[in-house]
Amino acid sequence: MKEHRIYDPGQEIAVEDELFGAILLLRNVDECRAFFQDLCTPAELQALKDRWIVAELLADGLTYRQIRDKTGVSVTTVGRVARCLSEPPAGYAAVLRRMGKTDMGKIDMGKTDQGKIE
């Protein structure tokens, strides 16, 4: 992670709060798309999209290998997203539940076709 020398921890949290507040002001998908295209590089935006589709596919019960084969996302990233689904702060899980897209019982940490993490 990039070191920010101009912010103390309190300032860092304040800037993060302002960013999240700005996101909450967006009114529709088109505004979100425009904002994130301005905010992120194409690679950063692709990484966000990759993680989101992985979260959805894990919620659908796919294995790590199936997700890697379907998306090209590394098994390491799939594992990280799986941990985020089941451990605090569990933001992916909260949003997936609100969207009606998940049965968290389907998500198996470390689930591969052979039953082990690759």
PDB file of N, CA and C in Angstrom:
ATOM      1  N   MET A   1       0.837  -1.167   0.000  1.00  0.00           N
ATOM      2  CA  MET A   1       0.000   0.000   0.000  1.00  0.00           C
ATOM      3  C   MET A   1       0.889   1.238   0.000  1.00  0.00           C
ATOM      4  N   LYS A   2       0.473   2.230  -0.724  1.00  0.00           N
ATOM      5  CA  LYS A   2       1.211   3.479  -0.822  1.00  0.00           C
ATOM      6  C   LYS A   2       1.201   4.202   0.519  1.00  0.00           C
ATOM      7  N   GLU A   3       2.374   4.686   0.927  1.00  0.00           N
ATOM      8  CA  GLU A   3       2.475   5.441   2.167  1.00  0.00           C
ATOM      9  C   GLU A   3       2.063   6.884   1.907  1.00  0.00           C
ATOM     10  N   HIS A   4       1.171   7.392   2.733  1.00  0.00           N
ATOM     11  CA  HIS A   4       0.715   8.780   2.614  1.00  0.00           C
ATOM     12  C   HIS A   4       1.325   9.578   3.750  1.00  0.00           C
ATOM     13  N   ARG A   5       2.244  10.431   3.431  1.00  0.00           N
ATOM     14  CA  ARG A   5       2.949  11.186   4.464  1.00  0.00           C
ATOM     15  C   ARG A   5       2.200  12.441   4.884  1.00  0.00           C
ATOM     16  N   ILE A   6       1.252  12.896   4.082  1.00  0.00           N
ATOM     17  CA  ILE A   6       0.575  14.150   4.428  1.00  0.00           C
ATOM     18  C   ILE A   6      -0.603  13.939   5.376  1.00  0.00           C
ATOM     19  N   TYR A   7      -1.021  12.685   5.556  1.00  0.00           N
ATOM     20  CA  TYR A   7      -2.174  12.403   6.408  1.00  0.00           C
ATOM     21  C   TYR A   7      -1.741  11.709   7.685  1.00  0.00           C
ATOM     22  N   ASP A   8      -2.270  12.180   8.803  1.00  0.00           N
ATOM     23  CA  ASP A   8      -2.133  11.391  10.028  1.00  0.00           C
ATOM     24  C   ASP A   8      -3.325  10.426  10.031  1.00  0.00           C
ATOM     25  N   PRO A   9      -3.355   9.454  10.932  1.00  0.00           N
ATOM     26  CA  PRO A   9      -4.455   8.471  10.906  1.00  0.00           C
ATOM     27  C   PRO A   9      -5.851   9.097  10.956  1.00  0.00           C
ATOM     28  N   GLY A  10      -6.023  10.155  11.714  1.00  0.00           N
ATOM     29  CA  GLY A  10      -7.329  10.810  11.783  1.00  0.00           C
ATOM     30  C   GLY A  10      -7.717  11.454  10.467  1.00  0.00           C
ATOM     31  N   GLN A  11      -6.745  12.078   9.806  1.00  0.00           N
ATOM     32  CA  GLN A  11      -7.012  12.685   8.506  1.00  0.00           C
ATOM     33  C   GLN A  11      -7.321  11.611   7.467  1.00  0.00           C
ATOM     34  N   GLU A  12      -6.619  10.497   7.548  1.00  0.00           N
ATOM     35  CA  GLU A  12      -6.846   9.397   6.606  1.00  0.00           C
ATOM     36  C   GLU A  12      -8.287   8.910   6.711  1.00  0.00           C
ATOM     37  N   ILE A  13      -8.778   8.733   7.911  1.00  0.00           N
ATOM     38  CA  ILE A  13     -10.164   8.285   8.124  1.00  0.00           C
ATOM     39  C   ILE A  13     -11.144   9.339   7.618  1.00  0.00           C
ATOM     40  N   ALA A  14     -10.842  10.616   7.861  1.00  0.00           N
ATOM     41  CA  ALA A  14     -11.733  11.690   7.405  1.00  0.00           C
ATOM     42  C   ALA A  14     -11.828  11.709   5.878  1.00  0.00           C
ATOM     43  N   VAL A  15     -10.707  11.527   5.194  1.00  0.00           N
ATOM     44  CA  VAL A  15     -10.712  11.502   3.731  1.00  0.00           C
ATOM     45  C   VAL A  15     -11.490  10.281   3.233  1.00  0.00           C
ATOM     46  N   GLU A  16     -11.285   9.141   3.879  1.00  0.00           N
ATOM     47  CA  GLU A  16     -12.026   7.938   3.509  1.00  0.00           C
ATOM     48  C   GLU A  16     -13.521   8.144   3.715  1.00  0.00           C
ATOM     49  N   ASP A  17     -13.903   8.751   4.831  1.00  0.00           N
ATOM     50  CA  ASP A  17     -15.319   9.028   5.086  1.00  0.00           C
ATOM     51  C   ASP A  17     -15.907   9.944   4.015  1.00  0.00           C
ATOM     52  N   GLU A  18     -15.151  10.952   3.597  1.00  0.00           N
ATOM     53  CA  GLU A  18     -15.627  11.847   2.538  1.00  0.00           C
ATOM     54  C   GLU A  18     -15.798  11.109   1.218  1.00  0.00           C
ATOM     55  N   LEU A  19     -14.850  10.230   0.897  1.00  0.00           N
ATOM     56  CA  LEU A  19     -14.966   9.440  -0.329  1.00  0.00           C
ATOM     57  C   LEU A  19     -16.222   8.577  -0.285  1.00  0.00           C
ATOM     58  N   PHE A  20     -16.431   7.862   0.803  1.00  0.00           N
ATOM     59  CA  PHE A  20     -17.605   6.999   0.902  1.00  0.00           C
ATOM     60  C   PHE A  20     -18.894   7.822   0.904  1.00  0.00           C
ATOM     61  N   GLY A  21     -18.857   8.982   1.534  1.00  0.00           N
ATOM     62  CA  GLY A  21     -20.016   9.877   1.494  1.00  0.00           C
ATOM     63  C   GLY A  21     -20.319  10.322   0.077  1.00  0.00           C
ATOM     64  N   ALA A  22     -19.272  10.615  -0.698  1.00  0.00           N
ATOM     65  CA  ALA A  22     -19.462  11.006  -2.100  1.00  0.00           C
ATOM     66  C   ALA A  22     -20.105   9.863  -2.883  1.00  0.00           C
ATOM     67  N   ILE A  23     -19.671   8.644  -2.639  1.00  0.00           N
ATOM     68  CA  ILE A  23     -20.244   7.485  -3.331  1.00  0.00           C
ATOM     69  C   ILE A  23     -21.730   7.353  -2.991  1.00  0.00           C
ATOM     70  N   LEU A  24     -22.066   7.581  -1.743  1.00  0.00           N
ATOM     71  CA  LEU A  24     -23.473   7.485  -1.333  1.00  0.00           C
ATOM     72  C   LEU A  24     -24.351   8.548  -1.983  1.00  0.00           C
ATOM     73  N   LEU A  25     -23.757   9.621  -2.488  1.00  0.00           N
ATOM     74  CA  LEU A  25     -24.525  10.673  -3.163  1.00  0.00           C
ATOM     75  C   LEU A  25     -24.866  10.330  -4.613  1.00  0.00           C
ATOM     76  N   LEU A  26     -24.215   9.311  -5.161  1.00  0.00           N
ATOM     77  CA  LEU A  26     -24.490   8.932  -6.546  1.00  0.00           C
ATOM     78  C   LEU A  26     -25.902   8.374  -6.640  1.00  0.00           C
ATOM     79  N   ARG A  27     -26.630   8.768  -7.694  1.00  0.00           N
ATOM     80  CA  ARG A  27     -28.064   8.465  -7.764  1.00  0.00           C
ATOM     81  C   ARG A  27     -28.429   7.289  -8.632  1.00  0.00           C
ATOM     82  N   ASN A  28     -27.533   6.871  -9.523  1.00  0.00           N
ATOM     83  CA  ASN A  28     -27.884   5.754 -10.408  1.00  0.00           C
ATOM     84  C   ASN A  28     -26.614   5.111 -10.954  1.00  0.00           C
ATOM     85  N   VAL A  29     -26.786   4.031 -11.688  1.00  0.00           N
ATOM     86  CA  VAL A  29     -25.652   3.279 -12.215  1.00  0.00           C
ATOM     87  C   VAL A  29     -24.802   4.134 -13.153  1.00  0.00           C
ATOM     88  N   ASP A  30     -25.436   4.954 -13.972  1.00  0.00           N
ATOM     89  CA  ASP A  30     -24.659   5.800 -14.887  1.00  0.00           C
ATOM     90  C   ASP A  30     -23.762   6.764 -14.123  1.00  0.00           C
ATOM     91  N   GLU A  31     -24.272   7.370 -13.056  1.00  0.00           N
ATOM     92  CA  GLU A  31     -23.443   8.259 -12.239  1.00  0.00           C
ATOM     93  C   GLU A  31     -22.311   7.485 -11.566  1.00  0.00           C
ATOM     94  N   CYS A  32     -22.613   6.288 -11.088  1.00  0.00           N
ATOM     95  CA  CYS A  32     -21.577   5.454 -10.470  1.00  0.00           C
ATOM     96  C   CYS A  32     -20.489   5.105 -11.484  1.00  0.00           C
ATOM     97  N   ARG A  33     -20.912   4.699 -12.670  1.00  0.00           N
ATOM     98  CA  ARG A  33     -19.950   4.347 -13.711  1.00  0.00           C
ATOM     99  C   ARG A  33     -19.031   5.525 -14.023  1.00  0.00           C
ATOM    100  N   ALA A  34     -19.606   6.704 -14.210  1.00  0.00           N
ATOM    101  CA  ALA A  34     -18.811   7.890 -14.524  1.00  0.00           C
ATOM    102  C   ALA A  34     -17.844   8.217 -13.381  1.00  0.00           C
ATOM    103  N   PHE A  35     -18.338   8.165 -12.146  1.00  0.00           N
ATOM    104  CA  PHE A  35     -17.506   8.478 -10.993  1.00  0.00           C
ATOM    105  C   PHE A  35     -16.329   7.501 -10.883  1.00  0.00           C
ATOM    106  N   PHE A  36     -16.628   6.199 -10.979  1.00  0.00           N
ATOM    107  CA  PHE A  36     -15.557   5.211 -10.833  1.00  0.00           C
ATOM    108  C   PHE A  36     -14.593   5.231 -12.017  1.00  0.00           C
ATOM    109  N   GLN A  37     -15.069   5.567 -13.200  1.00  0.00           N
ATOM    110  CA  GLN A  37     -14.151   5.711 -14.335  1.00  0.00           C
ATOM    111  C   GLN A  37     -13.223   6.894 -14.123  1.00  0.00           C
ATOM    112  N   ASP A  38     -13.711   7.951 -13.494  1.00  0.00           N
ATOM    113  CA  ASP A  38     -12.853   9.088 -13.157  1.00  0.00           C
ATOM    114  C   ASP A  38     -11.887   8.743 -12.015  1.00  0.00           C
ATOM    115  N   LEU A  39     -12.387   8.039 -11.025  1.00  0.00           N
ATOM    116  CA  LEU A  39     -11.630   7.758  -9.809  1.00  0.00           C
ATOM    117  C   LEU A  39     -10.537   6.719 -10.013  1.00  0.00           C
ATOM    118  N   CYS A  40     -10.814   5.698 -10.822  1.00  0.00           N
ATOM    119  CA  CYS A  40      -9.927   4.541 -10.947  1.00  0.00           C
ATOM    120  C   CYS A  40      -9.251   4.490 -12.313  1.00  0.00           C
ATOM    121  N   THR A  41      -8.063   3.889 -12.325  1.00  0.00           N
ATOM    122  CA  THR A  41      -7.455   3.554 -13.609  1.00  0.00           C
ATOM    123  C   THR A  41      -8.251   2.390 -14.193  1.00  0.00           C
ATOM    124  N   PRO A  42      -8.122   2.137 -15.503  1.00  0.00           N
ATOM    125  CA  PRO A  42      -8.813   0.971 -16.060  1.00  0.00           C
ATOM    126  C   PRO A  42      -8.446  -0.331 -15.335  1.00  0.00           C
ATOM    127  N   ALA A  43      -7.183  -0.489 -14.951  1.00  0.00           N
ATOM    128  CA  ALA A  43      -6.760  -1.709 -14.246  1.00  0.00           C
ATOM    129  C   ALA A  43      -7.396  -1.802 -12.859  1.00  0.00           C
ATOM    130  N   GLU A  44      -7.480  -0.680 -12.154  1.00  0.00           N
ATOM    131  CA  GLU A  44      -8.115  -0.674 -10.829  1.00  0.00           C
ATOM    132  C   GLU A  44      -9.592  -1.014 -10.933  1.00  0.00           C
ATOM    133  N   LEU A  45     -10.260  -0.450 -11.914  1.00  0.00           N
ATOM    134  CA  LEU A  45     -11.677  -0.732 -12.103  1.00  0.00           C
ATOM    135  C   LEU A  45     -11.888  -2.196 -12.475  1.00  0.00           C
ATOM    136  N   GLN A  46     -11.010  -2.743 -13.317  1.00  0.00           N
ATOM    137  CA  GLN A  46     -11.112  -4.164 -13.679  1.00  0.00           C
ATOM    138  C   GLN A  46     -10.919  -5.045 -12.448  1.00  0.00           C
ATOM    139  N   ALA A  47      -9.979  -4.688 -11.584  1.00  0.00           N
ATOM    140  CA  ALA A  47      -9.766  -5.463 -10.358  1.00  0.00           C
ATOM    141  C   ALA A  47     -11.008  -5.445  -9.473  1.00  0.00           C
ATOM    142  N   LEU A  48     -11.665  -4.294  -9.369  1.00  0.00           N
ATOM    143  CA  LEU A  48     -12.903  -4.212  -8.590  1.00  0.00           C
ATOM    144  C   LEU A  48     -13.990  -5.094  -9.199  1.00  0.00           C
ATOM    145  N   LYS A  49     -14.125  -5.026 -10.521  1.00  0.00           N
ATOM    146  CA  LYS A  49     -15.141  -5.852 -11.202  1.00  0.00           C
ATOM    147  C   LYS A  49     -14.827  -7.333 -11.028  1.00  0.00           C
ATOM    148  N   ASP A  50     -13.551  -7.702 -11.146  1.00  0.00           N
ATOM    149  CA  ASP A  50     -13.155  -9.105 -10.966  1.00  0.00           C
ATOM    150  C   ASP A  50     -13.542  -9.603  -9.582  1.00  0.00           C
ATOM    151  N   ARG A  51     -13.231  -8.822  -8.560  1.00  0.00           N
ATOM    152  CA  ARG A  51     -13.549  -9.243  -7.186  1.00  0.00           C
ATOM    153  C   ARG A  51     -15.052  -9.370  -6.985  1.00  0.00           C
ATOM    154  N   TRP A  52     -15.811  -8.457  -7.588  1.00  0.00           N
ATOM    155  CA  TRP A  52     -17.262  -8.523  -7.431  1.00  0.00           C
ATOM    156  C   TRP A  52     -17.836  -9.783  -8.076  1.00  0.00           C
ATOM    157  N   ILE A  53     -17.408 -10.100  -9.302  1.00  0.00           N
ATOM    158  CA  ILE A  53     -17.942 -11.306  -9.955  1.00  0.00           C
ATOM    159  C   ILE A  53     -17.525 -12.558  -9.188  1.00  0.00           C
ATOM    160  N   VAL A  54     -16.319 -12.550  -8.625  1.00  0.00           N
ATOM    161  CA  VAL A  54     -15.883 -13.687  -7.803  1.00  0.00           C
ATOM    162  C   VAL A  54     -16.812 -13.843  -6.605  1.00  0.00           C
ATOM    163  N   ALA A  55     -17.160 -12.750  -5.950  1.00  0.00           N
ATOM    164  CA  ALA A  55     -18.069 -12.828  -4.798  1.00  0.00           C
ATOM    165  C   ALA A  55     -19.411 -13.428  -5.210  1.00  0.00           C
ATOM    166  N   GLU A  56     -19.932 -12.983  -6.344  1.00  0.00           N
ATOM    167  CA  GLU A  56     -21.212 -13.531  -6.823  1.00  0.00           C
ATOM    168  C   GLU A  56     -21.096 -15.020  -7.143  1.00  0.00           C
ATOM    169  N   LEU A  57     -20.012 -15.422  -7.786  1.00  0.00           N
ATOM    170  CA  LEU A  57     -19.847 -16.826  -8.158  1.00  0.00           C
ATOM    171  C   LEU A  57     -19.630 -17.706  -6.928  1.00  0.00           C
ATOM    172  N   LEU A  58     -18.912 -17.203  -5.930  1.00  0.00           N
ATOM    173  CA  LEU A  58     -18.782 -17.949  -4.672  1.00  0.00           C
ATOM    174  C   LEU A  58     -20.145 -18.122  -4.016  1.00  0.00           C
ATOM    175  N   ALA A  59     -20.941 -17.069  -4.025  1.00  0.00           N
ATOM    176  CA  ALA A  59     -22.288 -17.145  -3.449  1.00  0.00           C
ATOM    177  C   ALA A  59     -23.165 -18.137  -4.205  1.00  0.00           C
ATOM    178  N   ASP A  60     -22.869 -18.319  -5.505  1.00  0.00           N
ATOM    179  CA  ASP A  60     -23.607 -19.301  -6.311  1.00  0.00           C
ATOM    180  C   ASP A  60     -23.112 -20.725  -6.079  1.00  0.00           C
ATOM    181  N   GLY A  61     -22.029 -20.880  -5.302  1.00  0.00           N
ATOM    182  CA  GLY A  61     -21.537 -22.210  -4.959  1.00  0.00           C
ATOM    183  C   GLY A  61     -20.448 -22.756  -5.858  1.00  0.00           C
ATOM    184  N   LEU A  62     -19.891 -21.958  -6.751  1.00  0.00           N
ATOM    185  CA  LEU A  62     -18.817 -22.447  -7.615  1.00  0.00           C
ATOM    186  C   LEU A  62     -17.538 -22.664  -6.810  1.00  0.00           C
ATOM    187  N   THR A  63     -16.717 -23.594  -7.269  1.00  0.00           N
ATOM    188  CA  THR A  63     -15.433 -23.856  -6.629  1.00  0.00           C
ATOM    189  C   THR A  63     -14.410 -22.825  -7.073  1.00  0.00           C
ATOM    190  N   TYR A  64     -13.304 -22.766  -6.339  1.00  0.00           N
ATOM    191  CA  TYR A  64     -12.232 -21.833  -6.701  1.00  0.00           C
ATOM    192  C   TYR A  64     -11.766 -22.096  -8.127  1.00  0.00           C
ATOM    193  N   ARG A  65     -11.560 -23.345  -8.461  1.00  0.00           N
ATOM    194  CA  ARG A  65     -11.070 -23.690  -9.800  1.00  0.00           C
ATOM    195  C   ARG A  65     -12.086 -23.312 -10.881  1.00  0.00           C
ATOM    196  N   GLN A  66     -13.362 -23.584 -10.632  1.00  0.00           N
ATOM    197  CA  GLN A  66     -14.392 -23.198 -11.599  1.00  0.00           C
ATOM    198  C   GLN A  66     -14.390 -21.688 -11.822  1.00  0.00           C
ATOM    199  N   ILE A  67     -14.235 -20.937 -10.731  1.00  0.00           N
ATOM    200  CA  ILE A  67     -14.205 -19.480 -10.851  1.00  0.00           C
ATOM    201  C   ILE A  67     -12.973 -19.031 -11.616  1.00  0.00           C
ATOM    202  N   ARG A  68     -11.823 -19.614 -11.314  1.00  0.00           N
ATOM    203  CA  ARG A  68     -10.599 -19.263 -12.041  1.00  0.00           C
ATOM    204  C   ARG A  68     -10.749 -19.561 -13.522  1.00  0.00           C
ATOM    205  N   ASP A  69     -11.284 -20.743 -13.839  1.00  0.00           N
ATOM    206  CA  ASP A  69     -11.445 -21.124 -15.242  1.00  0.00           C
ATOM    207  C   ASP A  69     -12.447 -20.224 -15.964  1.00  0.00           C
ATOM    208  N   LYS A  70     -13.485 -19.812 -15.271  1.00  0.00           N
ATOM    209  CA  LYS A  70     -14.532 -18.989 -15.884  1.00  0.00           C
ATOM    210  C   LYS A  70     -14.100 -17.535 -16.054  1.00  0.00           C
ATOM    211  N   THR A  71     -13.309 -17.007 -15.090  1.00  0.00           N
ATOM    212  CA  THR A  71     -13.011 -15.581 -15.068  1.00  0.00           C
ATOM    213  C   THR A  71     -11.560 -15.220 -15.365  1.00  0.00           C
ATOM    214  N   GLY A  72     -10.661 -16.170 -15.164  1.00  0.00           N
ATOM    215  CA  GLY A  72      -9.237 -15.869 -15.278  1.00  0.00           C
ATOM    216  C   GLY A  72      -8.656 -15.239 -14.026  1.00  0.00           C
ATOM    217  N   VAL A  73      -9.464 -15.049 -12.992  1.00  0.00           N
ATOM    218  CA  VAL A  73      -8.997 -14.482 -11.733  1.00  0.00           C
ATOM    219  C   VAL A  73      -8.204 -15.553 -10.981  1.00  0.00           C
ATOM    220  N   SER A  74      -7.091 -15.159 -10.386  1.00  0.00           N
ATOM    221  CA  SER A  74      -6.226 -16.118  -9.695  1.00  0.00           C
ATOM    222  C   SER A  74      -6.937 -16.762  -8.509  1.00  0.00           C
ATOM    223  N   VAL A  75      -6.530 -17.983  -8.203  1.00  0.00           N
ATOM    224  CA  VAL A  75      -7.083 -18.696  -7.056  1.00  0.00           C
ATOM    225  C   VAL A  75      -6.780 -17.922  -5.769  1.00  0.00           C
ATOM    226  N   THR A  76      -5.645 -17.241  -5.723  1.00  0.00           N
ATOM    227  CA  THR A  76      -5.304 -16.427  -4.556  1.00  0.00           C
ATOM    228  C   THR A  76      -6.341 -15.327  -4.340  1.00  0.00           C
ATOM    229  N   THR A  77      -6.724 -14.648  -5.408  1.00  0.00           N
ATOM    230  CA  THR A  77      -7.746 -13.602  -5.300  1.00  0.00           C
ATOM    231  C   THR A  77      -9.091 -14.205  -4.925  1.00  0.00           C
ATOM    232  N   VAL A  78      -9.429 -15.350  -5.500  1.00  0.00           N
ATOM    233  CA  VAL A  78     -10.678 -16.020  -5.147  1.00  0.00           C
ATOM    234  C   VAL A  78     -10.692 -16.333  -3.650  1.00  0.00           C
ATOM    235  N   GLY A  79      -9.569 -16.836  -3.137  1.00  0.00           N
ATOM    236  CA  GLY A  79      -9.476 -17.145  -1.708  1.00  0.00           C
ATOM    237  C   GLY A  79      -9.631 -15.908  -0.836  1.00  0.00           C
ATOM    238  N   ARG A  80      -9.042 -14.806  -1.275  1.00  0.00           N
ATOM    239  CA  ARG A  80      -9.165 -13.559  -0.512  1.00  0.00           C
ATOM    240  C   ARG A  80     -10.613 -13.092  -0.468  1.00  0.00           C
ATOM    241  N   VAL A  81     -11.290 -13.149  -1.608  1.00  0.00           N
ATOM    242  CA  VAL A  81     -12.693 -12.747  -1.644  1.00  0.00           C
ATOM    243  C   VAL A  81     -13.531 -13.678  -0.762  1.00  0.00           C
ATOM    244  N   ALA A  82     -13.234 -14.971  -0.800  1.00  0.00           N
ATOM    245  CA  ALA A  82     -13.974 -15.932   0.036  1.00  0.00           C
ATOM    246  C   ALA A  82     -13.811 -15.591   1.515  1.00  0.00           C
ATOM    247  N   ARG A  83     -12.592 -15.248   1.926  1.00  0.00           N
ATOM    248  CA  ARG A  83     -12.375 -14.852   3.326  1.00  0.00           C
ATOM    249  C   ARG A  83     -13.180 -13.596   3.655  1.00  0.00           C
ATOM    250  N   CYS A  84     -13.180 -12.650   2.729  1.00  0.00           N
ATOM    251  CA  CYS A  84     -13.929 -11.405   2.963  1.00  0.00           C
ATOM    252  C   CYS A  84     -15.433 -11.649   3.060  1.00  0.00           C
ATOM    253  N   LEU A  85     -15.910 -12.675   2.410  1.00  0.00           N
ATOM    254  CA  LEU A  85     -17.337 -12.999   2.487  1.00  0.00           C
ATOM    255  C   LEU A  85     -17.730 -13.508   3.867  1.00  0.00           C
ATOM    256  N   SER A  86     -16.795 -14.162   4.540  1.00  0.00           N
ATOM    257  CA  SER A  86     -17.169 -14.837   5.779  1.00  0.00           C
ATOM    258  C   SER A  86     -16.586 -14.214   7.040  1.00  0.00           C
ATOM    259  N   GLU A  87     -15.648 -13.276   6.897  1.00  0.00           N
ATOM    260  CA  GLU A  87     -15.026 -12.658   8.065  1.00  0.00           C
ATOM    261  C   GLU A  87     -15.351 -11.173   8.096  1.00  0.00           C
ATOM    262  N   PRO A  88     -15.358 -10.588   9.294  1.00  0.00           N
ATOM    263  CA  PRO A  88     -15.603  -9.147   9.393  1.00  0.00           C
ATOM    264  C   PRO A  88     -14.592  -8.365   8.556  1.00  0.00           C
ATOM    265  N   PRO A  89     -14.995  -7.307   7.918  1.00  0.00           N
ATOM    266  CA  PRO A  89     -16.306  -6.676   8.049  1.00  0.00           C
ATOM    267  C   PRO A  89     -17.384  -7.277   7.160  1.00  0.00           C
ATOM    268  N   ALA A  90     -17.065  -8.246   6.280  1.00  0.00           N
ATOM    269  CA  ALA A  90     -18.059  -8.971   5.472  1.00  0.00           C
ATOM    270  C   ALA A  90     -18.939  -8.048   4.629  1.00  0.00           C
ATOM    271  N   GLY A  91     -18.327  -7.058   4.020  1.00  0.00           N
ATOM    272  CA  GLY A  91     -19.059  -6.118   3.175  1.00  0.00           C
ATOM    273  C   GLY A  91     -19.668  -6.763   1.948  1.00  0.00           C
ATOM    274  N   TYR A  92     -18.921  -7.669   1.305  1.00  0.00           N
ATOM    275  CA  TYR A  92     -19.486  -8.365   0.140  1.00  0.00           C
ATOM    276  C   TYR A  92     -20.785  -9.065   0.535  1.00  0.00           C
ATOM    277  N   ALA A  93     -20.731  -9.806   1.638  1.00  0.00           N
ATOM    278  CA  ALA A  93     -21.888 -10.591   2.070  1.00  0.00           C
ATOM    279  C   ALA A  93     -23.094  -9.705   2.347  1.00  0.00           C
ATOM    280  N   ALA A  94     -22.858  -8.557   2.979  1.00  0.00           N
ATOM    281  CA  ALA A  94     -23.966  -7.650   3.290  1.00  0.00           C
ATOM    282  C   ALA A  94     -24.653  -7.175   2.014  1.00  0.00           C
ATOM    283  N   VAL A  95     -23.856  -6.795   1.021  1.00  0.00           N
ATOM    284  CA  VAL A  95     -24.438  -6.293  -0.225  1.00  0.00           C
ATOM    285  C   VAL A  95     -25.122  -7.422  -0.990  1.00  0.00           C
ATOM    286  N   LEU A  96     -24.492  -8.581  -1.056  1.00  0.00           N
ATOM    287  CA  LEU A  96     -25.115  -9.715  -1.756  1.00  0.00           C
ATOM    288  C   LEU A  96     -26.453 -10.079  -1.116  1.00  0.00           C
ATOM    289  N   ARG A  97     -26.519 -10.058   0.215  1.00  0.00           N
ATOM    290  CA  ARG A  97     -27.789 -10.344   0.900  1.00  0.00           C
ATOM    291  C   ARG A  97     -28.841  -9.305   0.540  1.00  0.00           C
ATOM    292  N   ARG A  98     -28.461  -8.045   0.555  1.00  0.00           N
ATOM    293  CA  ARG A  98     -29.419  -6.977   0.222  1.00  0.00           C
ATOM    294  C   ARG A  98     -29.919  -7.091  -1.203  1.00  0.00           C
ATOM    295  N   MET A  99     -29.074  -7.622  -2.071  1.00  0.00           N
ATOM    296  CA  MET A  99     -29.462  -7.806  -3.473  1.00  0.00           C
ATOM    297  C   MET A  99     -30.226  -9.111  -3.681  1.00  0.00           C
ATOM    298  N   GLY A 100     -30.350  -9.924  -2.622  1.00  0.00           N
ATOM    299  CA  GLY A 100     -31.050 -11.198  -2.724  1.00  0.00           C
ATOM    300  C   GLY A 100     -30.280 -12.224  -3.537  1.00  0.00           C
ATOM    301  N   LYS A 101     -28.951 -12.098  -3.565  1.00  0.00           N
ATOM    302  CA  LYS A 101     -28.124 -12.950  -4.417  1.00  0.00           C
ATOM    303  C   LYS A 101     -27.352 -14.011  -3.656  1.00  0.00           C
ATOM    304  N   THR A 102     -27.623 -14.209  -2.402  1.00  0.00           N
ATOM    305  CA  THR A 102     -26.763 -15.145  -1.696  1.00  0.00           C
ATOM    306  C   THR A 102     -27.489 -15.999  -0.678  1.00  0.00           C
ATOM    307  N   ASP A 103     -26.996 -17.188  -0.605  1.00  0.00           N
ATOM    308  CA  ASP A 103     -27.280 -18.092   0.498  1.00  0.00           C
ATOM    309  C   ASP A 103     -25.901 -18.387   1.069  1.00  0.00           C
ATOM    310  N   MET A 104     -25.547 -17.697   2.134  1.00  0.00           N
ATOM    311  CA  MET A 104     -24.182 -17.780   2.642  1.00  0.00           C
ATOM    312  C   MET A 104     -23.794 -19.209   3.013  1.00  0.00           C
ATOM    313  N   GLY A 105     -24.751 -20.083   3.188  1.00  0.00           N
ATOM    314  CA  GLY A 105     -24.438 -21.479   3.467  1.00  0.00           C
ATOM    315  C   GLY A 105     -23.757 -22.177   2.302  1.00  0.00           C
ATOM    316  N   LYS A 106     -23.917 -21.641   1.093  1.00  0.00           N
ATOM    317  CA  LYS A 106     -23.284 -22.235  -0.087  1.00  0.00           C
ATOM    318  C   LYS A 106     -21.788 -21.966  -0.148  1.00  0.00           C
ATOM    319  N   ILE A 107     -21.333 -20.941   0.551  1.00  0.00           N
ATOM    320  CA  ILE A 107     -19.940 -20.531   0.442  1.00  0.00           C
ATOM    321  C   ILE A 107     -19.088 -21.400   1.346  1.00  0.00           C
ATOM    322  N   ASP A 108     -18.153 -22.087   0.733  1.00  0.00           N
ATOM    323  CA  ASP A 108     -17.266 -22.996   1.435  1.00  0.00           C
ATOM    324  C   ASP A 108     -15.847 -22.451   1.318  1.00  0.00           C
ATOM    325  N   MET A 109     -15.295 -21.993   2.423  1.00  0.00           N
ATOM    326  CA  MET A 109     -13.935 -21.474   2.414  1.00  0.00           C
ATOM    327  C   MET A 109     -12.978 -22.563   1.954  1.00  0.00           C
ATOM    328  N   GLY A 110     -12.153 -22.245   0.978  1.00  0.00           N
ATOM    329  CA  GLY A 110     -11.164 -23.198   0.510  1.00  0.00           C
ATOM    330  C   GLY A 110     -11.724 -24.246  -0.414  1.00  0.00           C
ATOM    331  N   LYS A 111     -12.899 -24.045  -0.948  1.00  0.00           N
ATOM    332  CA  LYS A 111     -13.552 -25.047  -1.772  1.00  0.00           C
ATOM    333  C   LYS A 111     -12.950 -25.089  -3.178  1.00  0.00           C
ATOM    334  N   THR A 112     -12.310 -26.191  -3.491  1.00  0.00           N
ATOM    335  CA  THR A 112     -11.811 -26.427  -4.831  1.00  0.00           C
ATOM    336  C   THR A 112     -12.436 -27.731  -5.321  1.00  0.00           C
ATOM    337  N   ASP A 113     -12.130 -28.105  -6.524  1.00  0.00           N
ATOM    338  CA  ASP A 113     -12.699 -29.338  -7.042  1.00  0.00           C
ATOM    339  C   ASP A 113     -12.224 -30.555  -6.260  1.00  0.00           C
ATOM    340  N   GLN A 114     -11.040 -30.482  -5.636  1.00  0.00           N
ATOM    341  CA  GLN A 114     -10.527 -31.592  -4.847  1.00  0.00           C
ATOM    342  C   GLN A 114     -10.743 -31.367  -3.355  1.00  0.00           C
ATOM    343  N   GLY A 115     -11.436 -30.284  -3.006  1.00  0.00           N
ATOM    344  CA  GLY A 115     -11.721 -30.025  -1.614  1.00  0.00           C
ATOM    345  C   GLY A 115     -10.581 -29.387  -0.838  1.00  0.00           C
ATOM    346  N   LYS A 116      -9.562 -28.871  -1.520  1.00  0.00           N
ATOM    347  CA  LYS A 116      -8.455 -28.206  -0.834  1.00  0.00           C
ATOM    348  C   LYS A 116      -8.101 -26.923  -1.566  1.00  0.00           C
ATOM    349  N   ILE A 117      -7.475 -26.039  -0.846  1.00  0.00           N
ATOM    350  CA  ILE A 117      -7.042 -24.781  -1.454  1.00  0.00           C
ATOM    351  C   ILE A 117      -5.830 -25.058  -2.322  1.00  0.00           C
ATOM    352  N   GLU A 118      -5.849 -24.493  -3.526  1.00  0.00           N
ATOM    353  CA  GLU A 118      -4.717 -24.673  -4.436  1.00  0.00           C
ATOM    354  C   GLU A 118      -3.742 -23.542  -4.297  1.00  0.00           C
TER     355      GLU A 118
END
